[in-house]
């Protein structure tokens, strides 16, 4: 009884009339929101600096023929690499978690992971759309390029430092019929659609007559770049 009384007193003193679990959850939420705001400020600053670098490069191209030639080649590759806006017909795929049971209890044999969209599900859609001849792609509000990595933590999606909650929207520019056929032919998506039927996960495919994808504005780390031997000549 003495030990129990000591624990109750310590808990009351620490909580001071509040719910310890709710406080921890609130602090974690505030931390996530603060980090997202800080990341947004950094992205805005990066875009500003990148515009300044682009302007400086254009000015240098007026004085140096080699710089101008390199810029022209980069401009030709910009659309294919995702560094230029892209417009055209396409499709949009939306993945969403299943609604929680009204009773609050999961059916027998169903785990919480069965009711959420996973990283593999998003990646399966991305892979199928590329296989279907997509000329460009966007996940949520960000353009996807060859170095983009899709990561999921719980039921949230992390893409290039930004955290998103479901529903997850993947938009692709390309021939809608080919894109839809590639989605239907994907074995991984077939598994996901079985969960859609059994557990109520969200899966919709919509044809779009006009799609506008923004240019990629993130940072690209060139891990395998080398300096040409004649760089100093």
Protein backbone atom coordinates (compact mmCIF):
# COMPACT_ATOMS: atom_id res chain seq x y z
CA UNK A 1 0.00 0.00 0.00
CA UNK A 2 2.86 2.36 0.79
CA UNK A 3 4.52 1.68 -2.58
CA UNK A 4 1.24 2.18 -4.44
CA UNK A 5 0.60 5.44 -2.63
CA UNK A 6 4.07 6.66 -3.57
CA UNK A 7 3.48 5.87 -7.26
CA UNK A 8 0.10 7.63 -7.27
CA UNK A 9 1.62 10.71 -5.64
CA UNK A 10 4.50 10.79 -8.13
CA UNK A 11 2.14 10.42 -11.07
CA UNK A 12 -0.15 13.18 -9.81
CA UNK A 13 2.81 15.50 -9.22
CA UNK A 14 4.23 14.88 -12.68
CA UNK A 15 0.96 15.16 -14.54
CA UNK A 16 -0.35 18.10 -12.46
CA UNK A 17 -3.89 17.23 -13.43
CA UNK A 18 -3.17 16.55 -17.12
CA UNK A 19 -3.07 13.42 -19.25
CA UNK A 20 0.55 12.42 -19.76
CA UNK A 21 -0.16 10.51 -22.98
CA UNK A 22 -2.08 13.38 -24.56
CA UNK A 23 0.68 15.82 -23.63
CA UNK A 24 3.32 13.67 -25.29
CA UNK A 25 1.18 13.27 -28.38
CA UNK A 26 0.58 17.03 -28.56
CA UNK A 27 4.28 17.79 -28.26
CA UNK A 28 5.09 15.28 -31.01
CA UNK A 29 2.47 16.82 -33.30
CA UNK A 30 3.82 20.30 -32.63
CA UNK A 31 7.34 19.09 -33.40
CA UNK A 32 6.23 17.57 -36.73
CA UNK A 33 4.39 20.75 -37.72
CA UNK A 34 7.40 22.89 -36.79
CA UNK A 35 9.75 20.70 -38.85
CA UNK A 36 7.41 20.83 -41.84
CA UNK A 37 7.33 24.62 -41.67
CA UNK A 38 11.11 24.77 -41.39
CA UNK A 39 11.43 22.42 -44.39
CA UNK A 40 9.04 24.63 -46.39
CA UNK A 41 11.16 27.70 -45.61
CA UNK A 42 14.31 25.89 -46.68
CA UNK A 43 12.70 24.77 -49.95
CA UNK A 44 11.59 28.33 -50.68
CA UNK A 45 15.10 29.62 -50.00
CA UNK A 46 16.58 26.90 -52.20
CA UNK A 47 14.28 27.82 -55.08
CA UNK A 48 15.24 31.49 -54.72
CA UNK A 49 18.96 30.69 -54.76
CA UNK A 50 18.50 28.35 -57.69
CA UNK A 51 16.82 31.10 -59.71
CA UNK A 52 19.79 33.36 -58.97
CA UNK A 53 22.22 30.66 -60.10
CA UNK A 54 20.23 30.13 -63.30
CA UNK A 55 20.30 33.86 -64.06
CA UNK A 56 24.05 33.98 -63.44
CA UNK A 57 24.56 30.96 -65.69
CA UNK A 58 22.55 32.59 -68.48
CA UNK A 59 24.68 35.72 -68.23
CA UNK A 60 27.84 33.62 -68.34
CA UNK A 61 26.53 31.89 -71.44
CA UNK A 62 26.42 35.19 -73.27
CA UNK A 63 30.17 35.59 -72.78
CA UNK A 64 31.33 31.99 -73.15
CA UNK A 65 30.32 29.86 -76.12
CA UNK A 66 31.03 26.61 -74.23
CA UNK A 67 28.66 27.59 -71.43
CA UNK A 68 25.99 28.56 -73.94
CA UNK A 69 26.37 25.21 -75.72
CA UNK A 70 26.07 23.30 -72.43
CA UNK A 71 22.96 25.30 -71.50
CA UNK A 72 21.34 24.51 -74.84
CA UNK A 73 21.97 20.80 -74.32
CA UNK A 74 20.56 21.00 -70.77
CA UNK A 75 17.45 22.76 -72.08
CA UNK A 76 16.89 19.93 -74.58
CA UNK A 77 17.14 17.33 -71.82
CA UNK A 78 15.07 19.26 -69.28
CA UNK A 79 11.68 17.91 -70.35
CA UNK A 80 12.73 14.25 -70.36
CA UNK A 81 14.54 14.55 -67.02
CA UNK A 82 11.70 16.34 -65.22
CA UNK A 83 13.29 19.78 -64.95
CA UNK A 84 10.70 21.47 -67.18
CA UNK A 85 6.89 21.66 -66.88
CA UNK A 86 4.96 19.01 -68.79
CA UNK A 87 1.44 19.10 -70.20
CA UNK A 88 -0.75 16.54 -71.87
CA UNK A 89 -3.34 13.82 -71.34
CA UNK A 90 -2.91 11.33 -68.55
CA UNK A 91 -4.36 9.55 -65.54
CA UNK A 92 -4.57 10.09 -61.80
CA UNK A 93 -4.47 7.23 -59.31
CA UNK A 94 -5.65 7.79 -55.74
CA UNK A 95 -4.79 5.38 -52.90
CA UNK A 96 -6.42 5.72 -49.50
CA UNK A 97 -6.58 3.94 -46.17
CA UNK A 98 -9.64 1.88 -45.29
CA UNK A 99 -12.20 3.48 -42.95
CA UNK A 100 -11.94 2.46 -39.34
CA UNK A 101 -14.66 0.08 -38.08
CA UNK A 102 -17.49 1.93 -36.34
CA UNK A 103 -17.16 -0.39 -33.36
CA UNK A 104 -13.49 0.52 -33.00
CA UNK A 105 -12.57 -3.18 -33.06
CA UNK A 106 -10.94 -4.92 -36.00
CA UNK A 107 -12.55 -8.07 -37.41
CA UNK A 108 -10.98 -11.35 -36.39
CA UNK A 109 -7.83 -12.08 -38.39
CA UNK A 110 -7.42 -8.46 -39.57
CA UNK A 111 -4.32 -6.53 -38.52
CA UNK A 112 -4.02 -2.71 -38.48
CA UNK A 113 -1.47 -2.93 -41.31
CA UNK A 114 -4.14 -4.48 -43.53
CA UNK A 115 -6.11 -1.23 -43.49
CA UNK A 116 -3.43 1.25 -44.57
CA UNK A 117 -1.60 2.09 -47.80
CA UNK A 118 2.01 0.94 -47.72
CA UNK A 119 5.18 2.09 -49.45
CA UNK A 120 5.07 -0.96 -51.72
CA UNK A 121 1.56 0.00 -52.88
CA UNK A 122 2.62 3.51 -53.91
CA UNK A 123 5.75 2.15 -55.55
CA UNK A 124 3.71 -0.43 -57.46
CA UNK A 125 1.58 2.32 -58.99
CA UNK A 126 4.66 4.38 -59.87
CA UNK A 127 6.38 1.40 -61.50
CA UNK A 128 3.27 0.45 -63.48
CA UNK A 129 2.82 3.99 -64.80
CA UNK A 130 6.46 4.16 -65.92
CA UNK A 131 6.03 0.76 -67.58
CA UNK A 132 2.95 2.12 -69.33
CA UNK A 133 5.00 4.81 -71.04
CA UNK A 134 4.45 7.77 -68.72
CA UNK A 135 6.34 10.83 -69.98
CA UNK A 136 6.27 12.44 -66.55
CA UNK A 137 4.84 11.88 -63.10
CA UNK A 138 3.85 13.71 -59.96
CA UNK A 139 3.15 12.38 -56.47
CA UNK A 140 0.93 14.72 -54.47
CA UNK A 141 2.30 18.18 -55.43
CA UNK A 142 5.87 17.16 -56.30
CA UNK A 143 7.36 16.15 -59.63
CA UNK A 144 9.03 12.73 -59.61
CA UNK A 145 12.41 12.20 -61.30
CA UNK A 146 14.80 9.27 -61.58
CA UNK A 147 16.37 9.97 -58.16
CA UNK A 148 13.06 10.41 -56.28
CA UNK A 149 12.55 7.92 -53.48
CA UNK A 150 9.17 6.99 -52.00
CA UNK A 151 9.24 6.27 -48.27
CA UNK A 152 6.39 5.52 -45.88
CA UNK A 153 6.40 5.77 -42.08
CA UNK A 154 3.22 4.30 -40.66
CA UNK A 155 0.43 5.61 -42.87
CA UNK A 156 2.31 8.76 -43.92
CA UNK A 157 4.30 9.28 -47.10
CA UNK A 158 7.69 11.02 -47.12
CA UNK A 159 8.81 12.38 -50.47
CA UNK A 160 11.90 14.56 -50.79
CA UNK A 161 11.64 15.69 -47.18
CA UNK A 162 7.91 16.47 -47.19
CA UNK A 163 5.39 14.42 -45.17
CA UNK A 164 1.97 13.65 -46.66
CA UNK A 165 -1.10 11.94 -45.23
CA UNK A 166 -3.50 9.79 -47.27
CA UNK A 167 -5.18 9.88 -49.68
CA UNK A 168 -2.10 9.68 -51.93
CA UNK A 169 -2.47 11.06 -55.47
CA UNK A 170 -0.17 9.88 -58.28
CA UNK A 171 -0.61 11.75 -61.58
CA UNK A 172 1.06 10.77 -64.85
CA UNK A 173 1.20 12.26 -68.34
CA UNK A 174 0.91 9.74 -71.16
CA UNK A 175 -1.50 7.72 -73.27
CA UNK A 176 -4.40 7.03 -70.85
CA UNK A 177 -5.21 3.66 -72.43
CA UNK A 178 -1.63 2.42 -72.13
CA UNK A 179 -1.34 3.71 -68.58
CA UNK A 180 -4.57 2.02 -67.52
CA UNK A 181 -3.53 -1.23 -69.21
CA UNK A 182 -0.23 -1.17 -67.32
CA UNK A 183 -2.06 -0.66 -64.02
CA UNK A 184 -4.40 -3.57 -64.77
CA UNK A 185 -1.46 -5.82 -65.73
CA UNK A 186 0.56 -5.18 -62.55
CA UNK A 187 0.62 -8.23 -60.21
CA UNK A 188 1.41 -5.98 -57.23
CA UNK A 189 -1.59 -3.77 -57.89
CA UNK A 190 -3.73 -6.88 -58.28
CA UNK A 191 -2.79 -7.82 -54.70
CA UNK A 192 -3.63 -4.32 -53.50
CA UNK A 193 -7.01 -4.43 -55.26
CA UNK A 194 -7.81 -7.64 -53.44
CA UNK A 195 -7.34 -5.73 -50.18
CA UNK A 196 -9.57 -3.01 -51.64
CA UNK A 197 -12.37 -5.55 -52.07
CA UNK A 198 -11.86 -7.29 -48.74
CA UNK A 199 -11.02 -4.41 -46.38
CA UNK A 200 -12.26 -1.26 -48.12
CA UNK A 201 -8.98 0.44 -49.05
CA UNK A 202 -9.34 3.23 -51.59
CA UNK A 203 -8.30 2.81 -55.22
CA UNK A 204 -9.53 5.03 -58.04
CA UNK A 205 -8.18 5.66 -61.53
CA UNK A 206 -9.34 8.73 -63.43
CA UNK A 207 -8.54 9.74 -67.00
CA UNK A 208 -7.57 13.40 -67.38
CA UNK A 209 -7.82 15.24 -70.69
CA UNK A 210 -5.39 17.90 -69.48
CA UNK A 211 -2.57 17.37 -66.99
CA UNK A 212 -0.07 20.03 -65.97
CA UNK A 213 3.00 18.78 -64.11
CA UNK A 214 5.36 21.30 -62.52
CA UNK A 215 9.10 21.18 -63.06
CA UNK A 216 11.20 19.44 -60.42
CA UNK A 217 12.60 22.06 -58.03
CA UNK A 218 14.44 19.91 -55.51
CA UNK A 219 18.14 19.33 -55.07
CA UNK A 220 20.03 16.69 -57.06
CA UNK A 221 23.18 15.14 -55.63
CA UNK A 222 25.53 13.92 -58.36
CA UNK A 223 27.28 11.02 -56.64
CA UNK A 224 28.87 9.59 -59.75
CA UNK A 225 29.87 12.72 -61.67
CA UNK A 226 33.48 12.99 -62.88
CA UNK A 227 35.52 15.88 -64.24
CA UNK A 228 36.46 15.48 -67.94
CA UNK A 229 40.17 15.24 -68.63
CA UNK A 230 40.06 18.25 -70.93
CA UNK A 231 38.18 20.41 -68.43
CA UNK A 232 41.12 22.80 -68.03
CA UNK A 233 41.81 23.12 -71.74
